[in-house]
Amino acid sequence: MLQRKMFYSTLKGSLLILLVSTVLGGFLNHELIGASMNGKLLKDIGQKQITDLMNKAGGIPFIALKEAKKIFDEGGAVFLDSRSSADYRESHIKGALELPLVSLVQNQDLAGKIIPDKAALYIVYCDGEGCDLSVELAKELIALGYFNIRVFGEGYPGWAEARYPIQSSL
């Protein structure tokens, strides 16, 4: 009987600690919880990742989603997908050319075969804010003499989420 009483007393104390910590945690973190629930936190994290990419890019210009879509609609640029061939085949921005960073690093002649015009506007993208393949591909292309390069930081996920034209090669 004493063991049972001790068990319930311990359980009651544990539940009280859990309840107090939950209420206190919610009170102290209400802004963070609210930002998480309304999507602001994810947006802020994405913006921080874009800022980090821009810093890593060292001055290579970035292009925002709406501007990229406007240029896409006008046919004013060639979009380059720097992701893997498998990702490209699965789905990519409509009309984008496949130029995986890994392939270019292994064979620098590939750029001249896929995109011979060094003066054209090229918009390079990858898997969004947390992906740096587009920045690295842009650096490689600039080193090869391409000078009109933009990095599309929101990348394929931002484009697809906006329900802009995509296609698959499967």
C-alpha atoms as a PDB file:
ATOM      1  CA  MET A   1       0.000   0.000   0.000  1.00  0.00           C
ATOM      2  CA  LEU A   2       2.875   2.341   0.818  1.00  0.00           C
ATOM      3  CA  GLN A   3       4.457   1.675  -2.574  1.00  0.00           C
ATOM      4  CA  ARG A   4       1.220   2.538  -4.334  1.00  0.00           C
ATOM      5  CA  LYS A   5       0.847   5.770  -2.381  1.00  0.00           C
ATOM      6  CA  MET A   6       4.453   6.698  -3.181  1.00  0.00           C
ATOM      7  CA  PHE A   7       3.910   5.919  -6.888  1.00  0.00           C
ATOM      8  CA  TYR A   8       0.828   8.174  -7.099  1.00  0.00           C
ATOM      9  CA  SER A   9       2.577  10.926  -5.172  1.00  0.00           C
ATOM     10  CA  THR A  10       5.542  10.796  -7.601  1.00  0.00           C
ATOM     11  CA  LEU A  11       3.208  10.691 -10.606  1.00  0.00           C
ATOM     12  CA  LYS A  12       1.234  13.668  -9.286  1.00  0.00           C
ATOM     13  CA  GLY A  13       4.443  15.668  -8.721  1.00  0.00           C
ATOM     14  CA  SER A  14       5.733  14.794 -12.203  1.00  0.00           C
ATOM     15  CA  LEU A  15       2.465  15.851 -13.854  1.00  0.00           C
ATOM     16  CA  LEU A  16       2.511  19.108 -11.920  1.00  0.00           C
ATOM     17  CA  ILE A  17       6.090  19.814 -13.080  1.00  0.00           C
ATOM     18  CA  LEU A  18       5.097  18.983 -16.661  1.00  0.00           C
ATOM     19  CA  LEU A  19       2.047  21.265 -16.493  1.00  0.00           C
ATOM     20  CA  VAL A  20       3.993  24.174 -14.990  1.00  0.00           C
ATOM     21  CA  SER A  21       6.844  23.819 -17.508  1.00  0.00           C
ATOM     22  CA  THR A  22       4.397  23.683 -20.432  1.00  0.00           C
ATOM     23  CA  VAL A  23       2.547  26.812 -19.296  1.00  0.00           C
ATOM     24  CA  LEU A  24       5.779  28.639 -18.504  1.00  0.00           C
ATOM     25  CA  GLY A  25       7.358  27.579 -21.842  1.00  0.00           C
ATOM     26  CA  GLY A  26       4.305  28.744 -23.765  1.00  0.00           C
ATOM     27  CA  PHE A  27       4.264  32.053 -21.935  1.00  0.00           C
ATOM     28  CA  LEU A  28       7.962  32.734 -22.439  1.00  0.00           C
ATOM     29  CA  ASN A  29       7.958  31.645 -26.109  1.00  0.00           C
ATOM     30  CA  HIS A  30       4.557  32.912 -27.263  1.00  0.00           C
ATOM     31  CA  GLU A  31       6.073  35.094 -30.022  1.00  0.00           C
ATOM     32  CA  LEU A  32       8.150  32.224 -31.385  1.00  0.00           C
ATOM     33  CA  ILE A  33       5.173  29.863 -31.236  1.00  0.00           C
ATOM     34  CA  GLY A  34       2.986  32.422 -33.008  1.00  0.00           C
ATOM     35  CA  ALA A  35       5.601  33.026 -35.706  1.00  0.00           C
ATOM     36  CA  SER A  36       5.914  29.296 -36.227  1.00  0.00           C
ATOM     37  CA  MET A  37       2.170  28.777 -36.524  1.00  0.00           C
ATOM     38  CA  ASN A  38       1.541  31.627 -38.979  1.00  0.00           C
ATOM     39  CA  GLY A  39       4.491  30.798 -41.257  1.00  0.00           C
ATOM     40  CA  LYS A  40       6.529  33.895 -40.401  1.00  0.00           C
ATOM     41  CA  LEU A  41       9.296  31.821 -38.837  1.00  0.00           C
ATOM     42  CA  LEU A  42       9.815  29.779 -42.013  1.00  0.00           C
ATOM     43  CA  LYS A  43       9.794  32.941 -44.096  1.00  0.00           C
ATOM     44  CA  ASP A  44      12.370  34.553 -41.796  1.00  0.00           C
ATOM     45  CA  ILE A  45      14.585  31.463 -41.952  1.00  0.00           C
ATOM     46  CA  GLY A  46      14.330  31.439 -45.761  1.00  0.00           C
ATOM     47  CA  GLN A  47      15.283  35.122 -45.928  1.00  0.00           C
ATOM     48  CA  LYS A  48      18.267  34.489 -43.644  1.00  0.00           C
ATOM     49  CA  GLN A  49      19.380  31.650 -45.915  1.00  0.00           C
ATOM     50  CA  ILE A  50      19.081  33.913 -48.993  1.00  0.00           C
ATOM     51  CA  THR A  51      21.172  36.568 -47.218  1.00  0.00           C
ATOM     52  CA  ASP A  52      23.798  33.931 -46.398  1.00  0.00           C
ATOM     53  CA  LEU A  53      23.817  32.819 -50.056  1.00  0.00           C
ATOM     54  CA  MET A  54      24.227  36.414 -51.219  1.00  0.00           C
ATOM     55  CA  ASN A  55      27.194  36.838 -48.886  1.00  0.00           C
ATOM     56  CA  LYS A  56      28.715  33.629 -50.236  1.00  0.00           C
ATOM     57  CA  ALA A  57      28.109  34.817 -53.818  1.00  0.00           C
ATOM     58  CA  GLY A  58      30.535  37.676 -53.379  1.00  0.00           C
ATOM     59  CA  GLY A  59      28.709  40.237 -55.502  1.00  0.00           C
ATOM     60  CA  ILE A  60      27.049  37.968 -58.070  1.00  0.00           C
ATOM     61  CA  PRO A  61      23.597  39.508 -58.579  1.00  0.00           C
ATOM     62  CA  PHE A  62      20.507  37.733 -57.294  1.00  0.00           C
ATOM     63  CA  ILE A  63      17.082  37.876 -58.872  1.00  0.00           C
ATOM     64  CA  ALA A  64      13.778  37.716 -56.984  1.00  0.00           C
ATOM     65  CA  LEU A  65      10.907  35.399 -57.877  1.00  0.00           C
ATOM     66  CA  LYS A  66       8.648  38.024 -59.488  1.00  0.00           C
ATOM     67  CA  GLU A  67      11.477  39.490 -61.548  1.00  0.00           C
ATOM     68  CA  ALA A  68      12.536  36.001 -62.672  1.00  0.00           C
ATOM     69  CA  LYS A  69       8.958  35.255 -63.737  1.00  0.00           C
ATOM     70  CA  LYS A  70       8.743  38.525 -65.678  1.00  0.00           C
ATOM     71  CA  ILE A  71      11.962  37.730 -67.566  1.00  0.00           C
ATOM     72  CA  PHE A  72      10.719  34.168 -68.109  1.00  0.00           C
ATOM     73  CA  ASP A  73       7.469  35.472 -69.628  1.00  0.00           C
ATOM     74  CA  GLU A  74       9.410  37.832 -71.897  1.00  0.00           C
ATOM     75  CA  GLY A  75      11.805  35.084 -72.972  1.00  0.00           C
ATOM     76  CA  GLY A  76      14.678  37.299 -71.933  1.00  0.00           C
ATOM     77  CA  ALA A  77      16.936  34.715 -70.292  1.00  0.00           C
ATOM     78  CA  VAL A  78      18.053  31.118 -70.302  1.00  0.00           C
ATOM     79  CA  PHE A  79      17.310  29.332 -67.043  1.00  0.00           C
ATOM     80  CA  LEU A  80      19.977  26.875 -65.895  1.00  0.00           C
ATOM     81  CA  ASP A  81      19.211  24.087 -63.432  1.00  0.00           C
ATOM     82  CA  SER A  82      22.326  23.365 -61.343  1.00  0.00           C
ATOM     83  CA  ARG A  83      20.754  20.443 -59.470  1.00  0.00           C
ATOM     84  CA  SER A  84      21.455  16.787 -60.195  1.00  0.00           C
ATOM     85  CA  SER A  85      20.324  15.177 -63.441  1.00  0.00           C
ATOM     86  CA  ALA A  86      17.829  13.084 -61.471  1.00  0.00           C
ATOM     87  CA  ASP A  87      16.253  16.198 -59.923  1.00  0.00           C
ATOM     88  CA  TYR A  88      16.145  17.892 -63.323  1.00  0.00           C
ATOM     89  CA  ARG A  89      14.431  14.896 -64.941  1.00  0.00           C
ATOM     90  CA  GLU A  90      11.888  14.709 -62.134  1.00  0.00           C
ATOM     91  CA  SER A  91      10.810  18.344 -62.564  1.00  0.00           C
ATOM     92  CA  HIS A  92      12.332  21.691 -63.492  1.00  0.00           C
ATOM     93  CA  ILE A  93      11.385  25.205 -64.556  1.00  0.00           C
ATOM     94  CA  LYS A  94       9.798  24.939 -67.978  1.00  0.00           C
ATOM     95  CA  GLY A  95      12.405  25.343 -70.707  1.00  0.00           C
ATOM     96  CA  ALA A  96      15.356  25.337 -68.292  1.00  0.00           C
ATOM     97  CA  LEU A  97      18.553  23.703 -69.440  1.00  0.00           C
ATOM     98  CA  GLU A  98      20.245  21.031 -67.378  1.00  0.00           C
ATOM     99  CA  LEU A  99      23.738  22.038 -66.251  1.00  0.00           C
ATOM    100  CA  PRO A 100      24.560  20.285 -62.977  1.00  0.00           C
ATOM    101  CA  LEU A 101      27.450  21.850 -61.097  1.00  0.00           C
ATOM    102  CA  VAL A 102      29.103  18.450 -60.668  1.00  0.00           C
ATOM    103  CA  SER A 103      29.066  17.824 -64.418  1.00  0.00           C
ATOM    104  CA  LEU A 104      30.578  21.237 -65.200  1.00  0.00           C
ATOM    105  CA  VAL A 105      33.337  20.793 -62.632  1.00  0.00           C
ATOM    106  CA  GLN A 106      34.204  17.431 -64.200  1.00  0.00           C
ATOM    107  CA  ASN A 107      34.057  18.766 -67.780  1.00  0.00           C
ATOM    108  CA  GLN A 108      34.376  22.528 -68.272  1.00  0.00           C
ATOM    109  CA  ASP A 109      33.839  22.159 -72.040  1.00  0.00           C
ATOM    110  CA  LEU A 110      30.244  21.253 -71.229  1.00  0.00           C
ATOM    111  CA  ALA A 111      29.292  24.913 -70.712  1.00  0.00           C
ATOM    112  CA  GLY A 112      30.307  25.870 -74.255  1.00  0.00           C
ATOM    113  CA  LYS A 113      28.279  22.976 -75.677  1.00  0.00           C
ATOM    114  CA  ILE A 114      25.114  23.731 -73.697  1.00  0.00           C
ATOM    115  CA  ILE A 115      25.292  27.547 -73.570  1.00  0.00           C
ATOM    116  CA  PRO A 116      27.604  28.862 -76.310  1.00  0.00           C
ATOM    117  CA  ASP A 117      26.577  32.550 -76.038  1.00  0.00           C
ATOM    118  CA  LYS A 118      28.654  34.077 -73.240  1.00  0.00           C
ATOM    119  CA  ALA A 119      26.778  37.397 -73.471  1.00  0.00           C
ATOM    120  CA  ALA A 120      23.253  35.996 -72.961  1.00  0.00           C
ATOM    121  CA  LEU A 121      21.433  36.441 -69.667  1.00  0.00           C
ATOM    122  CA  TYR A 122      21.556  33.232 -67.623  1.00  0.00           C
ATOM    123  CA  ILE A 123      19.472  32.682 -64.509  1.00  0.00           C
ATOM    124  CA  VAL A 124      20.923  29.892 -62.399  1.00  0.00           C
ATOM    125  CA  TYR A 125      18.857  28.065 -59.786  1.00  0.00           C
ATOM    126  CA  CYS A 126      18.873  25.030 -57.528  1.00  0.00           C
ATOM    127  CA  ASP A 127      16.808  23.758 -54.565  1.00  0.00           C
ATOM    128  CA  GLY A 128      16.052  27.088 -52.925  1.00  0.00           C
ATOM    129  CA  GLU A 129      17.335  29.128 -50.035  1.00  0.00           C
ATOM    130  CA  GLY A 130      19.397  26.412 -48.388  1.00  0.00           C
ATOM    131  CA  CYS A 131      21.085  25.264 -51.601  1.00  0.00           C
ATOM    132  CA  ASP A 132      24.352  26.784 -52.778  1.00  0.00           C
ATOM    133  CA  LEU A 133      24.755  24.849 -56.051  1.00  0.00           C
ATOM    134  CA  SER A 134      23.462  27.824 -58.034  1.00  0.00           C
ATOM    135  CA  VAL A 135      26.004  30.193 -56.465  1.00  0.00           C
ATOM    136  CA  GLU A 136      28.835  27.758 -57.138  1.00  0.00           C
ATOM    137  CA  LEU A 137      27.676  27.200 -60.746  1.00  0.00           C
ATOM    138  CA  ALA A 138      27.467  30.965 -61.251  1.00  0.00           C
ATOM    139  CA  LYS A 139      31.058  31.315 -59.999  1.00  0.00           C
ATOM    140  CA  GLU A 140      32.232  28.589 -62.379  1.00  0.00           C
ATOM    141  CA  LEU A 141      30.467  30.211 -65.344  1.00  0.00           C
ATOM    142  CA  ILE A 142      31.929  33.629 -64.541  1.00  0.00           C
ATOM    143  CA  ALA A 143      35.385  32.039 -64.372  1.00  0.00           C
ATOM    144  CA  LEU A 144      34.715  30.627 -67.868  1.00  0.00           C
ATOM    145  CA  GLY A 145      33.920  34.093 -69.248  1.00  0.00           C
ATOM    146  CA  TYR A 146      30.128  34.265 -68.880  1.00  0.00           C
ATOM    147  CA  PHE A 147      29.357  37.696 -67.518  1.00  0.00           C
ATOM    148  CA  ASN A 148      25.576  38.095 -67.482  1.00  0.00           C
ATOM    149  CA  ILE A 149      24.666  35.696 -64.668  1.00  0.00           C
ATOM    150  CA  ARG A 150      21.927  36.001 -62.031  1.00  0.00           C
ATOM    151  CA  VAL A 151      21.255  33.639 -59.154  1.00  0.00           C
ATOM    152  CA  PHE A 152      17.617  32.824 -58.474  1.00  0.00           C
ATOM    153  CA  GLY A 153      17.751  32.247 -54.711  1.00  0.00           C
ATOM    154  CA  GLU A 154      14.232  30.901 -54.188  1.00  0.00           C
ATOM    155  CA  GLY A 155      15.078  28.279 -56.796  1.00  0.00           C
ATOM    156  CA  TYR A 156      12.876  25.492 -58.012  1.00  0.00           C
ATOM    157  CA  PRO A 157      10.846  25.192 -54.769  1.00  0.00           C
ATOM    158  CA  GLY A 158       9.887  28.887 -54.837  1.00  0.00           C
ATOM    159  CA  TRP A 159       8.959  28.667 -58.517  1.00  0.00           C
ATOM    160  CA  ALA A 160       6.860  25.544 -58.058  1.00  0.00           C
ATOM    161  CA  GLU A 161       5.177  26.905 -54.919  1.00  0.00           C
ATOM    162  CA  ALA A 162       4.134  29.990 -56.906  1.00  0.00           C
ATOM    163  CA  ARG A 163       2.618  27.569 -59.442  1.00  0.00           C
ATOM    164  CA  TYR A 164       4.741  28.932 -62.271  1.00  0.00           C
ATOM    165  CA  PRO A 165       5.357  26.712 -65.318  1.00  0.00           C
ATOM    166  CA  ILE A 166       7.316  23.538 -64.655  1.00  0.00           C
ATOM    167  CA  GLN A 167       7.931  20.398 -66.652  1.00  0.00           C
ATOM    168  CA  SER A 168       9.260  16.908 -66.238  1.00  0.00           C
ATOM    169  CA  SER A 169      11.633  14.935 -68.438  1.00  0.00           C
ATOM    170  CA  LEU A 170      10.356  11.554 -67.284  1.00  0.00           C
END
